[in-house]
């Protein structure tokens, strides 16, 4: 049996998926924490953000920012496009390429 000599996790060692995803969620909060920009979906999403790192509050499921970005990527693109947040759009695109 030939062993693959490339460790796929080492390949991505210089990519800060965790840090960038946290930064993106902070950018998102500037929009969804504004009562004029939020809606029922984003209010529910805030509840999911509050469960990050708290599996006991989420039926023992561990979730993180990357999981939420991957799962709701189209919603994220939509809100950042709606409010013309090019910085967040660029970061979201980078996260999609590098981490999802």
Protein backbone atom coordinates (compact mmCIF):
# COMPACT_ATOMS: atom_id res chain seq x y z
CA UNK A 1 0.00 0.00 0.00
CA UNK A 2 1.37 3.39 -0.99
CA UNK A 3 0.98 6.04 1.67
CA UNK A 4 0.07 9.56 0.56
CA UNK A 5 2.97 11.81 1.51
CA UNK A 6 0.90 15.01 1.56
CA UNK A 7 -0.93 15.81 4.78
CA UNK A 8 -3.92 17.85 3.70
CA UNK A 9 -4.12 19.63 7.06
CA UNK A 10 -0.52 20.78 6.87
CA UNK A 11 -1.22 22.14 3.40
CA UNK A 12 -3.70 24.57 4.96
CA UNK A 13 -1.60 25.42 8.00
CA UNK A 14 -1.15 29.08 7.02
CA UNK A 15 -4.86 29.75 6.44
CA UNK A 16 -6.67 31.26 9.41
CA UNK A 17 -10.12 29.79 8.82
CA UNK A 18 -11.09 30.12 12.46
CA UNK A 19 -9.92 33.73 12.81
CA UNK A 20 -11.42 34.81 9.49
CA UNK A 21 -14.74 33.15 10.26
CA UNK A 22 -14.93 34.92 13.62
CA UNK A 23 -14.11 38.22 11.89
CA UNK A 24 -16.86 37.62 9.33
CA UNK A 25 -19.42 36.88 12.05
CA UNK A 26 -18.48 40.16 13.76
CA UNK A 27 -19.08 41.94 10.43
CA UNK A 28 -22.43 40.19 10.13
CA UNK A 29 -23.42 41.26 13.64
CA UNK A 30 -23.02 44.93 12.66
CA UNK A 31 -25.89 44.37 10.25
CA UNK A 32 -28.16 41.94 12.08
CA UNK A 33 -27.85 43.75 15.41
CA UNK A 34 -29.35 46.82 13.73
CA UNK A 35 -33.12 46.63 14.31
CA UNK A 36 -33.74 48.14 10.88
CA UNK A 37 -31.71 45.45 9.11
CA UNK A 38 -32.70 42.31 10.96
CA UNK A 39 -35.61 39.95 10.44
CA UNK A 40 -36.91 36.72 11.94
CA UNK A 41 -34.29 34.62 10.13
CA UNK A 42 -31.39 36.71 11.43
CA UNK A 43 -32.85 36.79 14.93
CA UNK A 44 -32.90 32.97 14.88
CA UNK A 45 -29.36 32.99 13.43
CA UNK A 46 -28.19 35.07 16.41
CA UNK A 47 -29.42 32.26 18.62
CA UNK A 48 -27.22 29.82 16.70
CA UNK A 49 -24.25 32.16 17.11
CA UNK A 50 -24.88 32.20 20.84
CA UNK A 51 -24.60 28.37 20.89
CA UNK A 52 -21.09 28.29 19.44
CA UNK A 53 -18.86 26.39 21.82
CA UNK A 54 -21.82 25.32 23.96
CA UNK A 55 -22.80 21.80 22.89
CA UNK A 56 -24.88 21.33 26.05
CA UNK A 57 -27.22 24.05 24.75
CA UNK A 58 -27.40 22.47 21.29
CA UNK A 59 -28.36 18.81 21.86
CA UNK A 60 -24.66 17.96 22.36
CA UNK A 61 -23.83 19.19 18.84
CA UNK A 62 -20.68 21.25 18.55
CA UNK A 63 -21.01 24.05 16.02
CA UNK A 64 -18.61 26.79 15.05
CA UNK A 65 -18.51 29.79 12.75
CA UNK A 66 -17.16 27.80 9.79
CA UNK A 67 -20.08 25.37 10.04
CA UNK A 68 -22.57 28.26 10.05
CA UNK A 69 -20.85 29.99 7.14
CA UNK A 70 -20.82 26.80 5.10
CA UNK A 71 -24.44 26.03 5.92
CA UNK A 72 -25.81 29.54 5.34
CA UNK A 73 -23.38 30.85 2.73
CA UNK A 74 -26.11 31.98 0.32
CA UNK A 75 -27.89 33.92 3.06
CA UNK A 76 -24.61 35.57 3.99
CA UNK A 77 -23.88 36.58 0.42
CA UNK A 78 -27.39 37.99 0.17
CA UNK A 79 -27.21 40.22 3.24
CA UNK A 80 -23.74 41.53 2.45
CA UNK A 81 -24.80 42.28 -1.13
CA UNK A 82 -27.99 43.96 0.07
CA UNK A 83 -26.04 46.34 2.30
CA UNK A 84 -23.16 46.68 -0.19
CA UNK A 85 -20.60 45.48 2.33
CA UNK A 86 -17.75 44.79 -0.06
CA UNK A 87 -15.25 44.09 2.73
CA UNK A 88 -17.47 41.34 4.14
CA UNK A 89 -18.22 39.99 0.65
CA UNK A 90 -14.50 39.72 -0.11
CA UNK A 91 -13.82 37.96 3.18
CA UNK A 92 -16.76 35.60 2.65
CA UNK A 93 -15.47 34.74 -0.81
CA UNK A 94 -12.00 34.08 0.61
CA UNK A 95 -13.44 31.84 3.34
CA UNK A 96 -15.49 29.95 0.77
CA UNK A 97 -12.38 29.30 -1.35
CA UNK A 98 -10.03 28.48 1.48
CA UNK A 99 -12.15 26.86 4.18
CA UNK A 100 -15.46 25.49 2.96
